[in-house]
Amino acid sequence: MIFRQLIPLCLLILYGFAYATPNAPVPTIPIANIEIHGNNTTRPEILNHFITFQKGEPLDTAKLRQTRANLLATKLYTKVDIFSHTREDGAHVFIILKESVRLQLAYGGEYSTRKHGRKELWYGVNAEAGIDNFRGRHEEFWFGVGAWERRSLYLSWYKPFLSTPYDITIGTGISAYPDYMLPIDYTDLYARASIGRKTGDYSRLSIGAIPVYRYREIVESALDSTTVILPSFRNEIYEAFGTLGYTIDRRSARFDPKSGWYYAAQLRTNHLYSGLNIPYFQLSNEFRGYRSFSGGDMAALRLRLTLRDRDAGAYHRLTYGGTGEIRGYSDDALGWQFVANSSLLASAKFHKQIYKTPRVPFPLVNVVFAGAGDISFRFDATFIADYARLAHEPQGILTFGGPWQDGMGIGFGTRIVVPEIRQSGCIDLVFGRIDNDEGSQWAPALHLYLDLFF
């Protein structure tokens, strides 16, 4: 009887010793091979910067997850899958990639109600194209042209140094356009160069320089008896700007963001070389916030504050109006009544998804937009509310002191979106408030552009 009672006790003690014994080390599985599928553009040496494991080292699932996060963060791929398969010789890791569309297109049109100091309507159109992952090195290349009465051409190239947090951007351009108030035509030739550095996962600091050469030509046909041209008038003007910028980008995506926020600040000055112009400092701040709702709806808010330390002169006049700023007005409608040295812009919009088509094969799309084989269309209705305020002094923005002018636009628009190729077309009809001696009137203005500007 005693032995029968001791048997369970002994078994319990033996189990306790077995449980207390340290576990035997788990055998490591070396990575025998790494296979990458779907990468047709990015060079292997560039892709290796984002892969945290190598052939021959022990398999670590945490590194697989980190690699997937790194690849998605580059925005080079819309889908990344990583999994391993164990065989007799070790683990075989498979990286399955789906490349993002590399081509970006944008175009728009503008009109102005002033030319050479007269009430005259004139137009300009522009188009630009950008190539992401240029040369397969995670670079960006942009090319833009303008036509009609504002003619322009520019090139820009962005290159990150992936082994470091630094990057560079260089560009050059030329533009020819008429003056709004004076009987003068301008031709500008400029260059841009900046060095940037990542200061966190979502932030970046940059410093740059922009030398400018401007040629001015008097338009004889626009002269009249009231026109005054100063004796010190010169045809050629040289100027150089310096910039210091800081950005934080927490948006869900660069194209059609649904959530998150974005902030950018830039200090700009022509103290590097002002030439004939007045030297000044300008501080610009911009905030964009996004919030999504059920059914694909989205609301967004944009705030932009510009402050100058002094009058920047007639050739750097601060004006507002047109697509990209305050809709409901032409390109230069606000800011001509006095010299403005500060401004505040507030824009709000709400996108309501009306209908989305199923994805259908479209073989010709892949010819232009590499990486896209089928597309769908989404139709949105948009409510728009814009407000801008310009003041002579910075404190006039908040205190309503000194000379100031404001404008408001309220309207609606439609938008057609093709998510697979990151393209959209917008048509907005916005009514802008026009103040005159008889009171306030609301005049319609039509704006047509590709993609959203915030």
Protein backbone atom coordinates (compact mmCIF):
# COMPACT_ATOMS: atom_id res chain seq x y z
CA MET A 1 0.00 0.00 0.00
CA ILE A 2 2.83 2.39 0.89
CA PHE A 3 4.61 1.67 -2.41
CA ARG A 4 1.42 2.41 -4.31
CA GLN A 5 1.23 5.84 -2.63
CA LEU A 6 4.91 6.58 -3.31
CA ILE A 7 4.71 5.81 -7.03
CA PRO A 8 2.62 8.93 -7.94
CA LEU A 9 4.84 11.06 -5.69
CA CYS A 10 8.00 9.82 -7.41
CA LEU A 11 6.54 10.44 -10.81
CA LEU A 12 5.62 13.97 -9.77
CA ILE A 13 9.16 14.65 -8.52
CA LEU A 14 10.69 13.29 -11.73
CA TYR A 15 8.37 15.49 -13.79
CA GLY A 16 9.40 18.50 -11.76
CA PHE A 17 13.10 17.82 -12.37
CA ALA A 18 12.43 17.41 -16.08
CA TYR A 19 10.48 20.67 -16.20
CA ALA A 20 13.19 22.55 -14.30
CA THR A 21 15.93 21.33 -16.62
CA PRO A 22 16.93 24.07 -19.12
CA ASN A 23 15.51 23.54 -22.59
CA ALA A 24 17.92 22.35 -25.21
CA PRO A 25 18.95 25.12 -27.65
CA VAL A 26 16.77 25.35 -30.71
CA PRO A 27 18.83 24.44 -33.76
CA THR A 28 19.44 27.38 -36.09
CA ILE A 29 18.44 27.14 -39.73
CA PRO A 30 20.83 28.89 -42.12
CA ILE A 31 19.52 30.81 -45.10
CA ALA A 32 20.53 28.72 -48.09
CA ASN A 33 19.11 30.91 -50.85
CA ILE A 34 17.26 34.19 -51.45
CA GLU A 35 14.97 34.46 -54.47
CA ILE A 36 13.48 37.80 -55.59
CA HIS A 37 10.54 37.87 -57.98
CA GLY A 38 8.83 40.90 -59.54
CA ASN A 39 11.75 43.34 -59.39
CA ASN A 40 12.21 44.51 -62.95
CA THR A 41 13.56 48.03 -62.40
CA THR A 42 15.52 48.53 -59.19
CA ARG A 43 19.21 47.65 -59.43
CA PRO A 44 20.32 44.80 -57.13
CA GLU A 45 22.86 46.94 -55.26
CA ILE A 46 20.09 49.45 -54.46
CA LEU A 47 17.64 46.76 -53.39
CA ASN A 48 20.20 45.27 -51.00
CA HIS A 49 20.10 48.47 -48.92
CA PHE A 50 16.59 47.54 -47.76
CA ILE A 51 17.14 43.80 -47.14
CA THR A 52 18.28 43.15 -43.56
CA PHE A 53 19.43 39.52 -43.97
CA GLN A 54 22.01 37.73 -46.07
CA LYS A 55 22.64 34.30 -47.46
CA GLY A 56 24.36 32.03 -44.91
CA GLU A 57 23.18 33.73 -41.72
CA PRO A 58 20.58 32.14 -39.38
CA LEU A 59 16.96 32.63 -40.33
CA ASP A 60 15.33 35.37 -38.24
CA THR A 61 11.63 36.07 -38.81
CA ALA A 62 12.01 39.52 -37.21
CA LYS A 63 14.42 40.48 -40.00
CA LEU A 64 11.93 39.24 -42.58
CA ARG A 65 9.27 41.54 -41.16
CA GLN A 66 11.70 44.48 -41.03
CA THR A 67 12.71 43.93 -44.64
CA ARG A 68 9.08 43.97 -45.73
CA ALA A 69 8.53 47.25 -43.87
CA ASN A 70 11.66 48.75 -45.45
CA LEU A 71 10.57 47.83 -48.97
CA LEU A 72 7.05 49.19 -48.51
CA ALA A 73 8.45 52.45 -47.07
CA THR A 74 10.35 53.13 -50.31
CA LYS A 75 7.03 53.51 -52.19
CA LEU A 76 8.66 51.57 -55.02
CA TYR A 77 6.32 48.61 -54.52
CA THR A 78 2.60 48.39 -53.97
CA LYS A 79 2.81 44.87 -52.55
CA VAL A 80 5.58 42.98 -50.75
CA ASP A 81 5.35 39.35 -49.58
CA ILE A 82 8.24 37.54 -47.86
CA PHE A 83 8.15 33.90 -46.72
CA SER A 84 10.61 31.07 -46.13
CA HIS A 85 10.58 27.37 -46.99
CA THR A 86 12.85 24.94 -45.11
CA ARG A 87 14.63 22.24 -47.11
CA GLU A 88 17.47 19.83 -46.42
CA ASP A 89 20.14 22.44 -47.20
CA GLY A 90 18.49 25.21 -45.11
CA ALA A 91 15.88 27.93 -45.49
CA HIS A 92 14.96 29.30 -48.89
CA VAL A 93 13.59 32.85 -48.60
CA PHE A 94 11.25 34.17 -51.29
CA ILE A 95 10.65 37.92 -51.80
CA ILE A 96 7.63 38.60 -54.03
CA LEU A 97 7.34 42.20 -55.23
CA LYS A 98 4.81 44.17 -57.24
CA GLU A 99 6.31 47.39 -58.58
CA SER A 100 4.52 50.72 -58.28
CA VAL A 101 3.72 52.84 -61.29
CA ARG A 102 6.82 54.90 -62.04
CA LEU A 103 5.39 57.63 -64.27
CA GLN A 104 3.69 60.69 -62.77
CA LEU A 105 1.80 63.17 -64.94
CA ALA A 106 0.40 66.58 -64.11
CA TYR A 107 -1.04 69.42 -66.12
CA GLY A 108 -3.13 72.49 -65.57
CA GLY A 109 -4.19 75.84 -66.89
CA GLU A 110 -4.24 79.37 -65.56
CA TYR A 111 -5.64 82.69 -66.59
CA SER A 112 -5.01 86.27 -65.49
CA THR A 113 -7.11 89.41 -65.74
CA ARG A 114 -4.15 91.83 -65.81
CA LYS A 115 -1.44 92.33 -68.38
CA HIS A 116 0.97 95.26 -68.77
CA GLY A 117 -1.14 97.37 -66.42
CA ARG A 118 -4.37 96.89 -68.32
CA LYS A 119 -7.51 94.85 -67.87
CA GLU A 120 -6.72 92.06 -70.29
CA LEU A 121 -7.41 88.34 -70.12
CA TRP A 122 -4.52 86.04 -70.94
CA TYR A 123 -3.86 82.33 -70.50
CA GLY A 124 -1.17 79.78 -69.79
CA VAL A 125 -1.05 75.99 -69.80
CA ASN A 126 1.54 73.68 -68.28
CA ALA A 127 2.36 69.99 -68.20
CA GLU A 128 4.98 67.98 -66.34
CA ALA A 129 6.09 64.38 -66.07
CA GLY A 130 8.06 62.66 -63.34
CA ILE A 131 9.82 59.30 -63.34
CA ASP A 132 10.11 57.56 -59.99
CA ASN A 133 12.98 55.14 -59.42
CA PHE A 134 14.86 56.81 -62.27
CA ARG A 135 17.74 54.63 -63.60
CA GLY A 136 16.64 51.98 -61.08
CA ARG A 137 18.49 53.87 -58.33
CA HIS A 138 15.57 55.21 -56.26
CA GLU A 139 16.01 58.62 -57.92
CA GLU A 140 13.39 61.01 -59.31
CA PHE A 141 13.54 62.92 -62.60
CA TRP A 142 11.07 65.67 -63.55
CA PHE A 143 10.48 67.46 -66.83
CA GLY A 144 8.01 70.33 -67.28
CA VAL A 145 6.89 72.69 -70.05
CA GLY A 146 4.59 75.69 -70.22
CA ALA A 147 2.94 77.25 -73.25
CA TRP A 148 0.71 80.07 -74.47
CA GLU A 149 1.60 83.44 -72.89
CA ARG A 150 3.60 81.93 -70.03
CA ARG A 151 6.25 79.77 -71.67
CA SER A 152 8.60 77.67 -69.59
CA LEU A 153 10.88 74.65 -69.51
CA TYR A 154 12.53 73.02 -66.51
CA LEU A 155 14.39 69.86 -65.47
CA SER A 156 14.93 68.45 -61.97
CA TRP A 157 16.83 65.45 -60.58
CA TYR A 158 16.70 64.02 -57.05
CA LYS A 159 19.26 61.49 -55.81
CA PRO A 160 19.39 59.84 -52.37
CA PHE A 161 22.64 58.39 -51.00
CA LEU A 162 21.15 55.24 -49.53
CA SER A 163 24.17 54.30 -47.42
CA THR A 164 23.78 57.68 -45.66
CA PRO A 165 20.82 59.88 -44.58
CA TYR A 166 21.74 62.50 -47.23
CA ASP A 167 20.33 63.39 -50.64
CA ILE A 168 20.76 66.06 -53.30
CA THR A 169 18.40 67.84 -55.69
CA ILE A 170 19.49 69.86 -58.70
CA GLY A 171 17.46 71.56 -61.39
CA THR A 172 17.35 74.31 -63.96
CA GLY A 173 14.69 76.14 -65.90
CA ILE A 174 13.73 79.07 -68.11
CA SER A 175 10.45 80.98 -68.31
CA ALA A 176 9.08 83.94 -70.29
CA TYR A 177 5.96 85.85 -69.19
CA PRO A 178 4.39 89.34 -69.11
CA ASP A 179 4.22 91.63 -66.07
CA TYR A 180 0.81 92.14 -64.53
CA MET A 181 1.10 95.90 -63.93
CA LEU A 182 4.06 97.24 -65.93
CA PRO A 183 4.57 97.27 -69.75
CA ILE A 184 7.41 94.78 -69.41
CA ASP A 185 8.06 91.20 -70.51
CA TYR A 186 10.38 88.98 -68.47
CA THR A 187 12.68 86.10 -69.30
CA ASP A 188 14.02 84.24 -66.25
CA LEU A 189 16.83 81.71 -66.20
CA TYR A 190 17.41 79.95 -62.89
CA ALA A 191 19.10 76.99 -61.26
CA ARG A 192 18.36 75.08 -58.05
CA ALA A 193 20.61 73.01 -55.83
CA SER A 194 19.90 71.63 -52.36
CA ILE A 195 21.29 69.11 -49.90
CA GLY A 196 18.90 67.22 -47.65
CA ARG A 197 19.25 65.01 -44.63
CA LYS A 198 16.79 62.69 -42.94
CA THR A 199 16.32 63.62 -39.30
CA GLY A 200 13.91 60.80 -38.48
CA ASP A 201 11.65 58.21 -40.06
CA TYR A 202 9.31 60.92 -41.36
CA SER A 203 11.28 64.21 -41.24
CA ARG A 204 13.88 65.89 -43.43
CA LEU A 205 16.08 69.00 -43.23
CA SER A 206 17.46 70.74 -46.33
CA ILE A 207 19.55 73.73 -47.34
CA GLY A 208 19.79 75.14 -50.85
CA ALA A 209 20.59 77.98 -53.21
CA ILE A 210 18.72 79.44 -56.21
CA PRO A 211 20.65 81.81 -58.51
CA VAL A 212 18.42 83.77 -60.90
CA TYR A 213 19.11 85.78 -64.05
CA ARG A 214 16.28 87.99 -65.31
CA TYR A 215 16.04 89.94 -68.55
CA ARG A 216 13.44 92.72 -68.80
CA GLU A 217 12.18 94.18 -72.05
CA ILE A 218 9.85 97.16 -72.38
CA VAL A 219 6.78 96.48 -74.52
CA GLU A 220 6.45 99.57 -76.71
CA SER A 221 2.89 98.78 -77.75
CA ALA A 222 1.78 98.83 -74.10
CA LEU A 223 3.19 102.30 -73.36
CA ASP A 224 0.88 105.29 -72.98
CA SER A 225 1.09 108.83 -71.65
CA THR A 226 0.67 107.72 -68.03
CA THR A 227 3.45 105.11 -68.12
CA VAL A 228 6.53 106.02 -66.13
CA ILE A 229 9.80 104.13 -66.63
CA LEU A 230 12.48 105.02 -64.12
CA PRO A 231 15.80 106.37 -65.49
CA SER A 232 17.63 103.64 -63.52
CA PHE A 233 15.81 100.94 -65.46
CA ARG A 234 18.12 98.05 -66.37
CA ASN A 235 17.45 95.19 -68.71
CA GLU A 236 19.48 92.60 -66.78
CA ILE A 237 18.99 91.67 -63.12
CA TYR A 238 20.96 89.15 -61.07
CA GLU A 239 19.74 87.67 -57.79
CA ALA A 240 20.52 84.66 -55.58
CA PHE A 241 18.29 83.09 -52.92
CA GLY A 242 19.20 80.84 -50.03
CA THR A 243 16.71 78.39 -48.50
CA LEU A 244 16.50 76.41 -45.27
CA GLY A 245 13.64 73.91 -45.07
CA TYR A 246 12.19 71.32 -42.72
CA THR A 247 9.40 68.82 -43.47
CA ILE A 248 7.48 66.14 -41.60
CA ASP A 249 5.41 63.78 -43.75
CA ARG A 250 3.03 61.44 -41.87
CA ARG A 251 0.54 61.00 -44.71
CA SER A 252 -0.76 57.57 -45.62
CA ALA A 253 0.36 58.10 -49.25
CA ARG A 254 1.73 60.80 -51.49
CA PHE A 255 -1.05 60.32 -54.04
CA ASP A 256 -4.62 60.65 -52.78
CA PRO A 257 -3.83 60.49 -49.02
CA LYS A 258 -6.67 59.28 -46.81
CA SER A 259 -5.23 59.98 -43.38
CA GLY A 260 -2.24 61.49 -41.60
CA TRP A 261 -0.72 64.94 -41.80
CA TYR A 262 2.10 66.94 -43.38
CA TYR A 263 4.05 70.01 -42.24
CA ALA A 264 6.65 72.07 -44.08
CA ALA A 265 8.56 75.20 -43.09
CA GLN A 266 10.99 77.18 -45.22
CA LEU A 267 13.12 80.23 -44.56
CA ARG A 268 13.96 82.00 -47.82
CA THR A 269 16.13 85.07 -48.40
CA ASN A 270 17.85 86.95 -51.20
CA HIS A 271 20.56 88.23 -48.86
CA LEU A 272 22.98 85.93 -50.71
CA TYR A 273 22.83 88.49 -53.53
CA SER A 274 19.94 90.92 -53.94
CA GLY A 275 21.32 93.05 -56.77
CA LEU A 276 18.85 95.82 -57.58
CA ASN A 277 16.12 94.23 -55.46
CA ILE A 278 15.37 94.83 -51.81
CA PRO A 279 16.96 92.23 -49.49
CA TYR A 280 14.39 90.45 -47.32
CA PHE A 281 13.64 87.31 -45.32
CA GLN A 282 10.51 85.21 -45.83
CA LEU A 283 9.21 82.44 -43.56
CA SER A 284 6.59 80.07 -44.97
CA ASN A 285 4.70 77.44 -42.98
CA GLU A 286 2.21 74.93 -44.35
CA PHE A 287 0.11 72.25 -42.64
CA ARG A 288 -2.09 69.62 -44.30
CA GLY A 289 -4.33 67.22 -42.40
CA TYR A 290 -6.45 64.33 -43.69
CA ARG A 291 -9.20 62.19 -42.23
CA SER A 292 -11.04 59.30 -43.85
CA PHE A 293 -14.61 58.15 -43.34
CA SER A 294 -16.56 55.04 -44.23
CA GLY A 295 -17.37 54.47 -47.86
CA GLY A 296 -14.15 56.04 -49.14
CA ASP A 297 -15.06 59.60 -48.14
CA MET A 298 -12.29 61.99 -47.05
CA ALA A 299 -11.94 65.46 -45.52
CA ALA A 300 -8.81 67.60 -45.66
CA LEU A 301 -7.60 70.90 -44.23
CA ARG A 302 -4.75 73.09 -45.44
CA LEU A 303 -3.21 76.10 -43.65
CA ARG A 304 -0.39 78.25 -45.03
CA LEU A 305 1.19 81.23 -43.29
CA THR A 306 3.74 83.51 -45.02
CA LEU A 307 5.64 86.24 -43.16
CA ARG A 308 8.19 88.78 -44.46
CA ASP A 309 10.40 91.08 -42.44
CA ARG A 310 10.03 94.00 -44.91
CA ASP A 311 8.62 95.14 -48.24
CA ALA A 312 10.17 92.89 -50.91
CA GLY A 313 9.54 95.30 -53.78
CA ALA A 314 7.37 95.27 -56.87
CA TYR A 315 9.14 92.28 -58.44
CA HIS A 316 8.37 90.00 -55.49
CA ARG A 317 4.82 91.10 -54.88
CA LEU A 318 2.75 88.76 -52.70
CA THR A 319 -0.50 87.89 -54.51
CA TYR A 320 -3.11 85.14 -54.25
CA GLY A 321 -5.66 83.54 -56.54
CA GLY A 322 -6.14 80.65 -58.93
CA THR A 323 -5.70 76.90 -58.81
CA GLY A 324 -3.36 75.79 -56.06
CA GLU A 325 -4.08 78.80 -53.85
CA ILE A 326 -7.54 80.30 -53.39
CA ARG A 327 -10.01 79.08 -55.97
CA GLY A 328 -12.85 81.27 -57.14
CA TYR A 329 -10.40 83.90 -58.43
CA SER A 330 -8.01 84.33 -61.30
CA ASP A 331 -4.31 83.81 -60.79
CA ASP A 332 -3.48 87.29 -59.45
CA ALA A 333 -6.80 88.61 -58.13
CA LEU A 334 -5.77 89.40 -54.53
CA GLY A 335 -2.87 91.55 -53.37
CA TRP A 336 -2.78 94.48 -55.80
CA GLN A 337 -4.51 97.10 -53.64
CA PHE A 338 -1.46 97.58 -51.39
CA VAL A 339 1.97 96.07 -50.61
CA ALA A 340 1.41 92.79 -48.74
CA ASN A 341 4.19 91.32 -46.61
CA SER A 342 2.27 88.53 -44.91
CA SER A 343 -0.59 86.22 -45.79
CA LEU A 344 -2.76 83.43 -44.45
CA LEU A 345 -4.41 80.77 -46.60
CA ALA A 346 -6.99 78.26 -45.33
CA SER A 347 -8.55 75.59 -47.54
CA ALA A 348 -10.99 72.84 -46.65
CA LYS A 349 -12.52 70.16 -48.82
CA PHE A 350 -14.66 67.06 -48.54
CA HIS A 351 -14.57 64.24 -51.09
CA LYS A 352 -17.66 62.05 -51.40
CA GLN A 353 -17.16 58.84 -53.36
CA ILE A 354 -20.04 58.44 -55.80
CA TYR A 355 -19.15 55.34 -57.81
CA LYS A 356 -16.23 53.02 -58.43
CA THR A 357 -16.00 50.70 -61.40
CA PRO A 358 -14.57 47.17 -61.25
CA ARG A 359 -10.99 46.69 -62.39
CA VAL A 360 -10.79 45.79 -66.05
CA PRO A 361 -7.77 44.73 -68.17
CA PHE A 362 -6.27 47.56 -70.18
CA PRO A 363 -3.09 46.33 -71.95
CA LEU A 364 -2.15 49.72 -73.42
CA VAL A 365 -1.80 51.22 -69.94
CA ASN A 366 1.26 49.11 -69.27
CA VAL A 367 3.00 50.69 -72.28
CA VAL A 368 2.99 54.12 -70.61
CA PHE A 369 2.62 53.21 -66.93
CA ALA A 370 4.93 50.26 -66.34
CA GLY A 371 3.58 48.04 -63.59
CA ALA A 372 -0.13 48.52 -64.37
CA GLY A 373 -2.13 45.90 -66.24
CA ASP A 374 -5.70 46.71 -65.29
CA ILE A 375 -7.40 49.88 -64.10
CA SER A 376 -10.58 51.11 -62.43
CA PHE A 377 -12.30 54.49 -62.28
CA ARG A 378 -13.60 56.25 -59.20
CA PHE A 379 -15.93 59.25 -59.32
CA ASP A 380 -15.92 61.77 -56.47
CA ALA A 381 -17.98 64.83 -55.68
CA THR A 382 -16.12 67.57 -53.81
CA PHE A 383 -17.20 70.46 -51.62
CA ILE A 384 -14.66 73.32 -51.52
CA ALA A 385 -14.15 76.27 -49.17
CA ASP A 386 -11.10 78.54 -49.48
CA TYR A 387 -10.12 81.70 -47.60
CA ALA A 388 -7.11 84.01 -47.93
CA ARG A 389 -6.04 87.10 -46.06
CA LEU A 390 -3.19 89.44 -46.99
CA ALA A 391 -1.81 92.15 -44.72
CA HIS A 392 0.85 94.84 -44.88
CA GLU A 393 2.47 93.82 -41.59
CA PRO A 394 2.81 90.32 -40.10
CA GLN A 395 0.76 91.25 -37.03
CA GLY A 396 -2.04 92.40 -39.32
CA ILE A 397 -2.92 88.77 -40.07
CA LEU A 398 -4.30 88.22 -36.56
CA THR A 399 -5.02 91.72 -35.28
CA PHE A 400 -6.78 93.06 -38.40
CA GLY A 401 -4.58 96.14 -38.09
CA GLY A 402 -3.19 98.18 -40.97
CA PRO A 403 -4.00 97.68 -44.66
CA TRP A 404 -5.37 94.24 -45.47
CA GLN A 405 -7.45 92.37 -48.02
CA ASP A 406 -9.21 89.05 -47.86
CA GLY A 407 -11.03 86.75 -50.24
CA MET A 408 -13.32 83.75 -49.95
CA GLY A 409 -14.37 81.05 -52.39
CA ILE A 410 -17.08 78.42 -51.95
CA GLY A 411 -18.06 75.86 -54.54
CA PHE A 412 -18.01 72.28 -55.66
CA GLY A 413 -16.21 70.03 -58.09
CA THR A 414 -15.95 66.60 -59.60
CA ARG A 415 -12.97 64.27 -59.69
CA ILE A 416 -12.20 61.17 -61.72
CA VAL A 417 -9.52 58.97 -60.13
CA VAL A 418 -7.57 56.05 -61.58
CA PRO A 419 -5.87 54.62 -58.45
CA GLU A 420 -3.78 51.99 -60.24
CA ILE A 421 -1.79 54.59 -62.20
CA ARG A 422 -2.06 57.37 -59.56
CA GLN A 423 -3.84 59.81 -61.85
CA SER A 424 -6.90 62.01 -61.41
CA GLY A 425 -8.64 64.85 -63.20
CA CYS A 426 -10.47 67.67 -61.41
CA ILE A 427 -12.98 70.28 -62.52
CA ASP A 428 -13.96 72.87 -59.90
CA LEU A 429 -16.61 75.59 -60.11
CA VAL A 430 -16.03 78.00 -57.23
CA PHE A 431 -17.76 81.29 -56.51
CA GLY A 432 -15.37 83.99 -55.30
CA ARG A 433 -16.44 87.00 -53.28
CA ILE A 434 -15.83 90.28 -55.09
CA ASP A 435 -16.03 93.46 -52.98
CA ASN A 436 -16.87 96.79 -54.63
CA ASP A 437 -18.65 100.06 -53.88
CA GLU A 438 -22.03 98.39 -54.34
CA GLY A 439 -21.25 95.67 -51.80
CA SER A 440 -20.18 92.05 -52.20
CA GLN A 441 -20.89 89.90 -55.23
CA TRP A 442 -20.10 86.25 -55.91
CA ALA A 443 -18.62 85.55 -59.34
CA PRO A 444 -17.96 82.03 -60.67
CA ALA A 445 -14.53 80.80 -61.70
CA LEU A 446 -13.71 77.48 -63.37
CA HIS A 447 -10.53 75.57 -62.53
CA LEU A 448 -9.24 72.51 -64.39
CA TYR A 449 -6.20 70.55 -63.23
CA LEU A 450 -4.74 67.07 -62.91
CA ASP A 451 -4.26 65.64 -59.42
CA LEU A 452 -4.84 67.46 -56.16
CA PHE A 453 -2.54 70.20 -54.95
CA PHE A 454 -2.96 69.27 -51.28
